[in-house]
Protein backbone atom coordinates (compact mmCIF):
# COMPACT_ATOMS: atom_id res chain seq x y z
CA MET A 1 88.42 94.84 83.20
CA LEU A 2 86.48 98.06 83.58
CA ILE A 3 86.44 100.16 86.75
CA GLY A 4 83.04 98.82 87.82
CA GLU A 5 84.31 95.24 87.73
CA LEU A 6 87.44 96.17 89.70
CA SER A 7 85.25 97.95 92.21
CA ARG A 8 83.00 94.89 92.62
CA ARG A 9 85.96 92.52 92.98
CA THR A 10 87.78 94.65 95.56
CA GLY A 11 84.95 96.37 97.39
CA VAL A 12 86.58 99.75 96.69
CA SER A 13 84.49 102.52 95.15
CA PRO A 14 85.26 103.71 91.61
CA ARG A 15 85.97 107.17 93.03
CA LEU A 16 88.64 105.75 95.32
CA LEU A 17 90.11 103.67 92.48
CA ARG A 18 90.46 106.86 90.43
CA TYR A 19 92.18 108.47 93.42
CA TYR A 20 94.63 105.55 93.63
CA GLU A 21 95.33 106.03 89.94
CA ALA A 22 95.93 109.77 90.43
CA GLN A 23 98.32 109.00 93.32
CA GLY A 24 100.36 106.67 91.09
CA LEU A 25 99.34 103.55 93.01
CA LEU A 26 97.35 101.84 90.29
CA ASP A 27 98.25 101.34 86.65
CA VAL A 28 95.47 101.81 84.15
CA GLY A 29 95.18 101.64 80.41
CA ARG A 30 92.59 103.21 78.17
CA GLY A 31 90.49 101.41 75.60
CA THR A 32 89.72 102.91 72.22
CA ASN A 33 86.46 104.13 73.76
CA GLY A 34 88.44 106.05 76.42
CA TYR A 35 87.27 103.83 79.29
CA ARG A 36 89.74 102.82 81.97
CA SER A 37 90.98 99.27 81.54
CA TYR A 38 92.61 97.37 84.41
CA GLY A 39 94.60 94.14 84.30
CA GLU A 40 94.01 91.14 86.57
CA ASP A 41 96.97 92.21 88.71
CA SER A 42 95.03 95.34 89.69
CA VAL A 43 92.90 93.31 92.11
CA VAL A 44 96.00 92.33 94.09
CA THR A 45 97.41 95.86 93.87
CA VAL A 46 94.22 97.39 95.29
CA ARG A 47 94.24 94.87 98.13
CA GLN A 48 97.89 95.67 98.84
CA VAL A 49 97.13 99.39 98.91
CA ARG A 50 94.20 98.82 101.30
CA ALA A 51 96.38 96.71 103.63
CA LEU A 52 99.17 99.29 103.65
CA LEU A 53 96.71 102.13 104.30
CA LYS A 54 95.31 100.10 107.19
CA ALA A 55 98.87 99.84 108.54
CA GLY A 56 98.94 103.65 108.67
CA LEU A 57 101.12 104.40 105.66
CA SER A 58 100.43 107.43 103.50
CA THR A 59 99.82 107.08 99.78
CA GLU A 60 103.19 108.74 99.18
CA VAL A 61 104.98 106.06 101.20
CA ILE A 62 102.87 103.31 99.66
CA ARG A 63 103.91 104.50 96.20
CA SER A 64 107.56 103.99 97.16
CA VAL A 65 107.11 100.55 98.80
CA LEU A 66 104.50 99.06 96.46
CA PRO A 67 107.05 97.82 93.91
CA CYS A 68 108.50 95.58 96.66
CA ALA A 69 105.11 94.20 97.81
CA ARG A 70 104.19 90.61 96.99
CA GLY A 71 100.79 89.04 97.53
CA GLU A 72 97.61 90.49 98.97
CA ARG A 73 98.75 90.58 102.60
CA PRO A 74 101.35 91.90 101.43
CA GLU A 75 104.77 90.50 102.16
CA PHE A 76 107.87 92.32 101.00
CA GLU A 77 110.86 91.59 98.86
CA TRP A 78 113.42 93.72 100.67
CA CYS A 79 114.29 96.10 97.86
CA ALA A 80 116.81 98.90 98.21
CA ASP A 81 115.82 101.47 100.85
CA LEU A 82 112.66 99.58 101.86
CA TRP A 83 113.99 98.73 105.33
CA ASP A 84 114.92 102.38 105.96
CA ILE A 85 111.54 103.63 104.72
CA MET A 86 109.58 101.20 106.89
CA ASN A 87 111.75 101.88 109.97
CA GLY A 88 111.34 105.62 109.42
CA GLU A 89 107.57 105.25 109.24
CA LEU A 90 107.55 103.14 112.41
CA ALA A 91 109.64 105.73 114.25
CA ALA A 92 107.34 108.53 113.09
CA MET A 93 104.32 106.53 114.23
CA ASP A 94 105.93 105.98 117.64
CA GLU A 95 106.48 109.75 117.94
CA ARG A 96 102.83 110.43 117.12
CA ILE A 97 101.74 107.85 119.71
CA ASP A 98 103.98 109.46 122.34
CA GLY A 99 102.53 112.88 121.54
CA LEU A 100 98.98 111.55 121.78
CA GLN A 101 99.77 109.92 125.12
CA ARG A 102 101.09 113.26 126.43
CA ASN A 103 97.97 115.01 125.14
CA ARG A 104 95.76 112.40 126.76
CA SER A 105 97.57 112.72 130.07
CA THR A 106 97.16 116.50 130.01
CA LEU A 107 93.46 116.25 129.19
CA ALA A 108 92.90 113.59 131.86
CA GLY A 109 94.60 115.94 134.34
CA TYR A 110 92.02 118.61 133.59
CA LEU A 111 89.24 116.17 134.36
CA THR A 112 90.60 115.31 137.82
CA LYS A 113 90.61 118.92 139.00
CA PRO A 114 87.33 120.38 140.34
């Protein structure tokens, strides 16, 4: 399918689909006319990428975990290193949350002082 069809089927703009391709998240072929050509599995891949981005993962991390993703949700086949990668991302996210909570507390403190 062409990029416009993939865009319609996933709700993702062609520009963003090209970005996913550039990040190594989406496989694409080229027709003899030079147009991008996507397989049926690209619809699921785009939906997986969107779900993983929504979970807060970077495209770099998604590139490393995507081969283990199954289904649109996705669920994971626990490939080598996947557990460590996901736990590392969760720990990093917890650290960012802690930092934001400290920042919020400091800012709230400024608002209580006249």
